[in-house]
Structure formats: structure tokens, C-alpha cells
Protein backbone atom coordinates (compact mmCIF):
# COMPACT_ATOMS: atom_id res chain seq x y z
CA MET A 1 29.11 31.43 10.99
CA HIS A 2 28.77 28.81 13.60
CA GLN A 3 29.36 25.82 12.28
CA PRO A 4 27.14 22.96 13.81
CA THR A 5 29.38 19.78 15.30
CA GLN A 6 27.98 16.16 15.23
CA ASP A 7 28.38 16.37 19.09
CA THR A 8 25.64 19.42 19.30
CA ILE A 9 23.72 17.52 16.81
CA ARG A 10 23.58 14.17 18.87
CA ARG A 11 23.00 15.79 21.61
CA GLN A 12 20.10 17.83 20.26
CA LEU A 13 18.52 14.27 18.99
CA ARG A 14 18.29 13.32 23.21
CA THR A 15 15.24 15.51 23.01
CA VAL A 16 13.56 13.37 20.25
CA GLN A 17 11.67 10.64 21.81
CA ASP A 18 10.23 7.39 19.62
CA PRO A 19 6.63 8.05 19.81
CA GLU A 20 5.82 4.60 20.82
CA LEU A 21 8.82 3.26 22.95
CA HIS A 22 8.72 6.82 24.94
CA GLU A 23 12.91 6.74 24.94
CA ASP A 24 15.25 9.44 23.12
CA ILE A 25 16.21 8.00 19.95
CA VAL A 26 19.86 8.16 21.33
CA LYS A 27 19.30 6.20 24.37
CA LEU A 28 17.76 3.83 22.23
CA ASN A 29 20.56 3.34 19.27
CA MET A 30 18.85 4.48 16.74
CA VAL A 31 20.91 7.19 15.41
CA LYS A 32 23.30 5.66 13.21
CA ALA A 33 25.63 8.17 11.54
CA VAL A 34 25.15 12.47 11.61
CA THR A 35 27.23 13.74 8.71
CA ILE A 36 27.24 17.65 8.22
CA GLU A 37 28.53 19.63 4.79
CA ASP A 38 28.11 23.06 4.92
CA GLY A 39 25.62 23.40 6.78
CA GLN A 40 23.24 20.30 5.32
CA VAL A 41 22.84 17.95 7.99
CA THR A 42 21.76 14.04 7.21
CA VAL A 43 20.42 11.65 9.91
CA GLU A 44 20.44 8.02 9.69
CA ILE A 45 18.06 6.44 11.61
CA GLU A 46 17.96 3.08 12.23
CA LEU A 47 13.66 1.97 12.86
CA THR A 48 13.06 -1.23 14.77
CA THR A 49 11.01 -2.43 12.53
CA PRO A 50 10.57 -1.85 8.60
CA ALA A 51 6.64 -1.18 9.26
CA CYS A 52 6.84 1.40 11.84
CA PRO A 53 4.12 3.01 11.98
CA MET A 54 5.60 6.34 13.19
CA LYS A 55 8.43 6.82 10.67
CA ASP A 56 6.83 10.24 9.71
CA ARG A 57 6.25 11.50 13.03
CA ILE A 58 9.92 10.34 14.06
CA ARG A 59 11.37 12.12 10.55
CA SER A 60 9.00 15.37 11.48
CA ASP A 61 10.39 15.25 15.03
CA VAL A 62 13.60 14.59 13.59
CA GLU A 63 13.91 17.99 11.18
CA ALA A 64 12.30 19.88 13.48
CA ALA A 65 14.69 19.55 16.42
CA VAL A 66 18.31 19.69 14.34
CA ARG A 67 17.22 23.15 12.56
CA GLN A 68 17.08 24.34 15.96
CA VAL A 69 20.52 23.78 16.37
CA PRO A 70 22.75 27.19 14.72
CA GLY A 71 24.58 27.25 11.91
CA VAL A 72 21.82 24.35 10.33
CA ARG A 73 20.79 25.02 7.27
CA ASP A 74 18.59 21.99 5.80
CA VAL A 75 18.10 18.53 7.42
CA SER A 76 17.52 15.45 5.88
CA VAL A 77 16.51 12.03 7.18
CA ALA A 78 17.59 8.29 5.93
CA PHE A 79 15.96 5.47 7.48
CA SER A 80 17.45 1.63 7.87
CA ALA A 81 15.57 -0.65 9.81
CA ARG A 82 16.60 -3.89 12.45
CA VAL A 83 13.89 -5.78 13.83
CA ARG A 84 15.18 -6.60 17.46
CA GLY A 85 13.71 -9.19 19.14
CA PRO A 86 13.68 -10.37 22.72
CA ALA A 87 16.80 -10.77 25.26
CA ARG A 88 16.86 -14.98 24.61
CA THR A 89 15.30 -16.84 21.55
CA ALA A 90 13.52 -19.99 21.49
CA VAL A 91 15.79 -22.83 21.22
CA GLN A 92 14.23 -24.79 18.78
CA MET A 93 13.87 -21.40 16.78
CA PRO A 94 17.37 -19.83 17.16
CA GLY A 95 16.89 -17.27 14.02
CA VAL A 96 13.62 -16.13 14.73
CA ARG A 97 13.40 -12.82 16.18
CA ASN A 98 9.81 -12.19 17.08
CA THR A 99 6.91 -15.19 16.81
CA ILE A 100 3.70 -13.70 16.91
CA ALA A 101 0.49 -15.58 17.44
CA VAL A 102 -3.24 -14.88 15.82
CA GLY A 103 -6.16 -16.26 17.52
CA ALA A 104 -9.98 -15.60 18.14
CA GLY A 105 -12.52 -16.66 20.37
CA LYS A 106 -14.39 -18.02 18.09
CA GLY A 107 -14.72 -19.10 14.07
CA GLY A 108 -15.65 -17.51 11.27
CA VAL A 109 -14.31 -13.96 12.19
CA GLY A 110 -11.47 -13.85 9.29
CA LYS A 111 -8.69 -15.20 11.66
CA SER A 112 -6.64 -17.02 8.83
CA THR A 113 -7.17 -14.42 6.26
CA VAL A 114 -5.78 -11.50 8.76
CA ALA A 115 -2.65 -13.72 9.76
CA ALA A 116 -2.64 -14.14 5.92
CA LEU A 117 -2.46 -10.49 5.54
CA LEU A 118 -0.04 -9.66 8.51
CA ALA A 119 2.74 -11.94 6.76
CA VAL A 120 2.59 -10.36 3.61
CA GLY A 121 2.17 -6.99 4.54
CA LEU A 122 5.17 -7.12 6.72
CA GLN A 123 7.11 -8.83 4.31
CA ARG A 124 6.09 -5.97 2.14
CA GLU A 125 7.30 -3.47 4.57
CA GLY A 126 10.45 -5.34 4.07
CA ALA A 127 10.69 -7.88 7.05
CA ARG A 128 11.74 -11.53 6.84
CA VAL A 129 8.64 -13.44 7.81
CA GLY A 130 7.54 -16.80 8.27
CA LEU A 131 3.84 -18.16 8.59
CA LEU A 132 2.92 -21.39 10.33
CA ASP A 133 -0.72 -22.50 9.52
CA ALA A 134 -1.31 -24.47 12.94
CA ASP A 135 -4.66 -24.33 12.15
CA VAL A 136 -4.73 -28.08 12.15
CA TYR A 137 -8.62 -28.74 11.71
CA GLY A 138 -8.86 -26.20 8.48
CA PRO A 139 -5.87 -25.49 6.87
CA SER A 140 -6.63 -22.85 4.76
CA LEU A 141 -3.78 -20.91 4.52
CA PRO A 142 -2.09 -22.73 1.53
CA THR A 143 -5.13 -21.82 -0.53
CA ILE A 144 -4.74 -18.19 0.73
CA MET A 145 -1.39 -17.75 0.01
CA GLY A 146 -1.49 -19.21 -3.89
CA VAL A 147 0.37 -23.12 -3.15
CA PRO A 148 -2.59 -25.35 -2.46
CA ASP A 149 -0.73 -28.14 -4.34
CA ALA A 150 2.77 -27.10 -2.89
CA GLN A 151 5.08 -29.93 -1.33
CA PRO A 152 7.43 -29.15 1.21
CA GLN A 153 10.88 -30.66 0.82
CA VAL A 154 11.79 -32.85 3.96
CA ARG A 155 15.58 -33.88 3.77
CA SER A 156 17.35 -37.01 4.68
CA ASP A 157 17.81 -35.60 8.24
CA GLY A 158 14.37 -35.06 9.11
CA ARG A 159 14.60 -31.09 8.46
CA ILE A 160 11.42 -29.73 6.71
CA VAL A 161 11.91 -27.14 4.50
CA PRO A 162 8.61 -24.51 4.19
CA VAL A 163 7.56 -23.61 0.77
CA GLU A 164 8.19 -19.94 0.25
CA ALA A 165 4.71 -17.96 -1.14
CA LEU A 166 4.76 -14.60 -1.92
CA GLY A 167 8.25 -13.57 -0.48
CA VAL A 168 6.57 -15.49 2.85
CA LYS A 169 8.10 -19.16 4.14
CA LEU A 170 5.31 -21.14 5.06
CA ILE A 171 4.11 -24.66 6.13
CA SER A 172 0.85 -25.75 7.10
CA ILE A 173 -0.52 -29.05 7.69
CA GLY A 174 -2.68 -29.15 4.64
CA PHE A 175 0.75 -29.63 2.79
CA PHE A 176 0.94 -32.74 4.24
CA VAL A 177 -3.07 -34.26 4.00
CA ASN A 178 -4.79 -35.21 1.05
CA PRO A 179 -7.15 -32.64 -0.38
CA GLY A 180 -10.17 -32.46 1.55
CA GLN A 181 -9.03 -34.75 4.02
CA ALA A 182 -10.64 -34.39 7.48
CA VAL A 183 -7.90 -33.84 10.31
CA ILE A 184 -9.43 -36.28 12.96
CA TRP A 185 -6.23 -35.86 15.79
CA ARG A 186 -6.66 -35.65 19.50
CA GLY A 187 -4.87 -32.71 21.65
CA PRO A 188 -1.22 -34.61 21.86
CA MET A 189 -0.99 -35.63 18.10
CA VAL A 190 -1.70 -31.61 17.43
CA HIS A 191 1.05 -30.88 20.04
CA ASN A 192 3.55 -33.09 18.41
CA THR A 193 2.83 -32.10 14.90
CA VAL A 194 3.38 -28.32 15.78
CA GLN A 195 6.35 -28.89 18.01
CA GLN A 196 7.81 -30.57 14.70
CA PHE A 197 7.34 -28.03 12.95
CA LEU A 198 8.49 -25.71 14.72
CA GLY A 199 11.66 -27.44 16.11
CA ASN A 200 12.43 -29.70 12.72
CA ALA A 201 11.77 -26.77 10.34
CA GLU A 202 14.46 -24.81 8.61
CA TRP A 203 12.99 -20.86 8.98
CA GLY A 204 16.74 -19.57 9.05
CA GLU A 205 16.90 -15.93 9.61
CA LEU A 206 13.01 -14.30 10.88
CA ASP A 207 12.74 -11.06 11.91
CA TYR A 208 8.84 -12.51 12.56
CA LEU A 209 7.23 -15.72 12.86
CA VAL A 210 3.13 -15.36 12.15
CA VAL A 211 1.47 -18.32 13.57
CA ASP A 212 -2.41 -18.55 12.74
CA LEU A 213 -4.15 -20.70 15.78
CA PRO A 214 -6.87 -22.66 15.58
CA PRO A 215 -10.16 -20.44 16.89
CA GLY A 216 -11.46 -20.68 19.81
CA THR A 217 -9.96 -21.62 23.93
CA GLY A 218 -10.25 -25.18 24.03
CA ASP A 219 -7.42 -27.80 24.61
CA VAL A 220 -6.33 -27.81 21.35
CA PRO A 221 -5.66 -23.91 21.21
CA LEU A 222 -4.13 -23.96 24.85
CA THR A 223 -1.76 -26.80 23.73
CA LEU A 224 -0.47 -25.14 20.39
CA SER A 225 -0.03 -21.44 22.81
CA GLN A 226 1.92 -23.33 25.23
CA SER A 227 4.22 -24.92 22.71
CA ILE A 228 5.32 -21.91 21.13
CA PRO A 229 7.35 -19.08 22.73
CA MET A 230 5.44 -16.54 22.00
CA THR A 231 6.66 -12.79 21.63
CA GLY A 232 2.87 -11.67 21.58
CA ALA A 233 -0.68 -12.04 20.41
CA VAL A 234 -2.93 -10.69 18.57
CA ALA A 235 -6.73 -11.32 19.07
CA VAL A 236 -9.13 -11.12 15.73
CA CYS A 237 -12.81 -10.00 16.30
CA THR A 238 -16.31 -9.10 14.65
CA PRO A 239 -17.59 -5.62 15.92
CA GLN A 240 -20.96 -6.57 17.35
CA ASP A 241 -21.37 -6.21 21.20
CA LEU A 242 -20.73 -10.08 21.25
CA ALA A 243 -17.16 -9.57 20.24
CA LEU A 244 -16.69 -8.25 23.75
CA ALA A 245 -17.26 -11.79 25.17
CA ASP A 246 -14.85 -13.36 22.17
CA ALA A 247 -12.32 -10.97 22.77
CA ARG A 248 -12.23 -11.05 26.15
CA ARG A 249 -11.98 -15.67 26.02
CA ALA A 250 -8.86 -15.43 24.04
CA ILE A 251 -7.22 -12.54 25.53
CA MET A 252 -7.77 -14.42 29.11
CA MET A 253 -6.59 -17.44 27.60
CA TYR A 254 -3.23 -15.39 26.85
CA ALA A 255 -2.90 -14.26 30.60
CA THR A 256 -3.60 -17.38 31.91
CA LEU A 257 -0.35 -18.46 29.24
CA LYS A 258 1.40 -15.43 30.94
CA VAL A 259 1.37 -14.06 26.87
CA PRO A 260 1.76 -10.72 26.41
CA CYS A 261 -1.44 -9.28 24.32
CA LEU A 262 -0.26 -7.31 21.41
CA GLY A 263 -3.93 -5.97 20.74
CA ILE A 264 -7.14 -6.87 19.18
CA VAL A 265 -8.23 -6.29 15.42
CA GLU A 266 -11.95 -5.55 14.54
CA ASN A 267 -12.30 -7.85 11.03
CA MET A 268 -15.53 -7.10 9.10
CA SER A 269 -15.42 -3.79 10.94
CA TYR A 270 -18.16 -1.77 8.35
CA TYR A 271 -19.16 -2.47 4.60
CA VAL A 272 -18.36 0.33 2.13
CA CYS A 273 -21.17 0.10 -1.42
CA PRO A 274 -18.61 -0.24 -4.35
CA HIS A 275 -21.56 1.48 -6.26
CA CYS A 276 -22.79 4.24 -4.22
CA GLY A 277 -20.29 4.69 -1.51
CA LYS A 278 -22.90 4.36 1.08
CA ARG A 279 -21.53 2.85 4.59
CA ASP A 280 -23.45 0.36 6.18
CA ASP A 281 -22.42 -1.17 9.76
CA ILE A 282 -23.79 -4.70 9.13
CA PHE A 283 -22.50 -6.36 12.05
CA ASP A 284 -22.57 -3.38 14.17
CA HIS A 285 -19.40 -1.32 14.85
CA GLY A 286 -16.97 -0.51 17.56
CA GLY A 287 -17.57 -3.54 19.45
CA ALA A 288 -13.61 -4.60 19.40
CA GLY A 289 -12.43 -1.24 20.51
CA ARG A 290 -14.57 -1.06 23.16
CA ALA A 291 -13.28 -4.48 24.10
CA ALA A 292 -9.72 -3.28 23.92
CA GLU A 293 -10.23 -0.20 25.90
CA GLU A 294 -12.10 -2.29 28.65
CA MET A 295 -9.36 -4.82 28.55
CA GLY A 296 -6.66 -2.17 28.70
CA VAL A 297 -4.91 -3.89 25.48
CA PRO A 298 -4.07 -1.76 22.57
CA PHE A 299 -6.31 -1.67 19.04
CA LEU A 300 -4.23 -2.25 16.37
CA GLY A 301 -7.31 -1.49 13.88
CA ALA A 302 -10.35 -1.86 12.31
CA ILE A 303 -10.45 -3.75 8.51
CA PRO A 304 -13.82 -3.35 6.78
CA LEU A 305 -15.98 -6.02 5.33
CA ASN A 306 -14.98 -6.01 1.03
CA ALA A 307 -15.43 -8.64 -1.63
CA GLY A 308 -12.13 -8.00 -2.55
CA ILE A 309 -10.62 -9.37 -0.05
CA ARG A 310 -12.92 -12.65 0.06
CA VAL A 311 -11.76 -12.89 -3.90
CA PHE A 312 -8.11 -12.36 -3.80
CA ALA A 313 -7.97 -14.63 -1.08
CA ASP A 314 -9.99 -17.71 -2.72
CA GLU A 315 -7.56 -17.26 -5.72
CA GLY A 316 -4.49 -16.80 -3.74
CA THR A 317 -3.48 -13.50 -4.05
CA PRO A 318 -3.57 -11.88 -1.05
CA GLN A 319 -0.78 -9.18 -1.94
CA LYS A 320 -3.44 -7.56 -4.47
CA CYS A 321 -5.50 -6.14 -1.00
CA PHE A 322 -1.81 -3.88 -0.68
CA THR A 323 -2.22 -3.25 -4.31
CA THR A 324 -5.39 -3.01 -6.69
CA THR A 325 -7.77 -2.44 -3.95
CA GLN A 326 -9.44 1.07 -2.59
CA PRO A 327 -7.32 3.06 -1.12
CA GLU A 328 -9.39 2.96 2.33
CA LEU A 329 -9.05 -0.62 2.49
CA ARG A 330 -4.82 -0.92 1.26
CA GLU A 331 -4.48 1.74 4.39
CA SER A 332 -7.09 0.20 7.13
CA ILE A 333 -4.82 -3.13 6.36
CA LEU A 334 -1.50 -1.11 6.43
CA ASN A 335 -2.39 0.40 9.67
CA VAL A 336 -3.28 -3.13 11.31
CA VAL A 337 0.25 -4.51 10.07
CA ARG A 338 1.99 -1.33 11.16
CA ALA A 339 0.59 -1.01 14.42
CA THR A 340 1.08 -4.92 15.14
CA ALA A 341 4.99 -4.16 14.19
CA GLY A 342 4.84 -0.87 16.68
CA GLN A 343 3.57 -3.03 19.29
CA VAL A 344 6.48 -5.99 18.74
CA SER A 345 9.17 -3.22 18.86
CA VAL A 346 7.43 -2.08 22.35
CA ARG A 347 8.08 -5.35 23.50
CA ALA A 348 11.33 -6.15 23.01
CA ALA A 349 12.28 -2.34 23.86
CA ARG A 350 11.10 -3.81 27.69
CA GLU A 351 13.65 -6.48 27.45
CA GLU A 352 10.81 -9.11 28.48
CA THR A 353 11.63 -12.56 27.05
CA PRO A 354 8.45 -14.50 26.02
CA PRO A 355 7.93 -17.51 27.77
CA THR A 356 8.04 -21.16 26.91
CA LEU A 357 5.78 -23.60 28.28
CA SER A 358 5.55 -26.89 27.63
CA VAL A 359 2.52 -29.44 27.87
CA GLU A 360 3.78 -31.80 31.04
């Protein structure tokens, strides 16, 4: 009986493409090991993110390809993950591989909640994650993440140690002002504060730093966008036709700054009654998806309007959105998390360095 070899298996694996990166998995250095024992082949695949949205597709494609090699009796696939970043990282954050900004053309669309769910979801998938609350006029992330009274440590050298919440490293202006105190700052003050959060924080080694930007496209979000070396940005919209205008404003802001748009999330997409199961498109449906198609950017998914999300955000337990909600809701949130991680991997594979812009 013909015995397969590692060389023949690896040659066959060159026929398998990563569905998002559109390169064969051998060229992408994703095949880490091939072991063969009595016709049983085990292939070790290193994914570009633990939140890979195409994991099942890659598994089935590898199994189908290897089974075509004569002498193979069975195939198993083992996965690991290493998040890749751009060729150069930001000087002020050398251990941060990717920075994802979450913004919106206007307020009230659930941007901060989506940022928190994205950070918690990536952490639950196995990534090392930080969360920067740059929404200085409405810092809600300490409450959403369940640490409203936390006090970050400031070392003798002035370095800030982020608060750890649900396995995520968190910094927010909300930790440094009294509860209920209005932050009445001009743009330069905001700029200097965020620069301190970026350059003077002990972020350590992170696969992703999620940054919650203020809403709108005025001076403050523009200044913050220019201060942060971003891998890409996520635009959060609601589903009505007006979402097209909001999405356009946010995406045009990123384009002006030469920041790649990772995609659009449609939040509050629809409502399903928990009692009768009837679906109601309260704010219409599909506006963000149409906006993504018209503007040529990815559509990252739709998250329904759900009382559970509101309750868990208010009580500081967003992790419950991944464990104790309806399966449809959990799947919708996970789809957004994984699609975002997939788009970050696409950017890294193109070896494009995110711009670091400064405000003169």
C-alpha cells in the first residue's frame, strides 16, 4: 500500500486557500506540522486569529484535500492561533499588534455597547484584548464592564496600569473624574489625555486594542482618530435609511484620515418578541447593509434590539450576552466579533502599515 509522505501532504495542502486571504495556507505559513501514522494524518493549522470566522470551512477544505492523497485513511485537523499585526507597530504601544476604532456618525446607536461586546467577545475567543474608552464626554465603559468604582494604579514613573475587567485591560476617563461630573474640555485637552492613555499606559502584549471613539465627525473624534495608529475602524449604525447618511459621514472621516474601514455593524437591527416570537423591524431593516454595499466596505453583521443586552450592560455583565441569551442573539454577536477579527487579519496579510498621524 502506498504510504503518504509529509512532502506529498504539504503539496496537496497548497490547493487549500484561506477563504478570506485568498492565498494557499502553505504560502501563508499556516501549516505548522504534519504527522502521519499508519495512514492517519494530523495537520496542525495556525489561524491568524482565535476568532477566525472561517475555521469550519478551513477544516473541511483541509480534510477534503488530504483525503485525495493515496494511502490516507483518515484526517484530523488541530488548530492554534497567532494574531498577526502590521509590519510596524506604534512607537508608543510596541506590544499592541492591532488597534480597532469603533465609531459612529451620530450618538445613540449603541456604539459603546458594541465596542464592549467586541472586546469581550475577542477575549472569550482566546485573544489578548485591551479596551480604551476615548469617549471622554460620555465614558460609559466602566459601567458596562462592571468596574464603575475601579481606581487604576499610577506608578511612580507616571505609567498607568489599566484596570482588568472580564479579562480585558481597560482605561477610561471615567476612572479619573468624580461620578456624574461633566467633562467640559476643549479638543487639545482631550487630545493630550488620550495621548497619555496611549503612551503612558502599561498595555503589555495585546492582540487587539479596541478604542471607543466619541460619536460624530467633529473636532474631537477627528483629533482622536489622528492620535491613534489604527489598523482599521468599525462604523456602528442603526438600520433605517438615515443610517446610510450616518455611515457615509463616519466612513468618509476615516477615508480622509487614510484609515481603512473594517466594515459596518447594524445595531438594533430588528426586534423579536420574547413572548410570541414575532419579529418587528422597529427601525426598519437593512440600511447599514445597503450602506456597506454602496460604499464598497464589508458588512460585519446585524445585532438585534434585545432587552438582555440593555440589562447586562446596565449591570456590568456583558459576558452574559454570550452565555445566557437566546441562541440567535448569541450567534449574531459572535458573527460580528469573528467578522471583525477576520477583516483585521485581511489587513495584516496585505502588510499595510496603519498610519500614525499627528496634530500640528
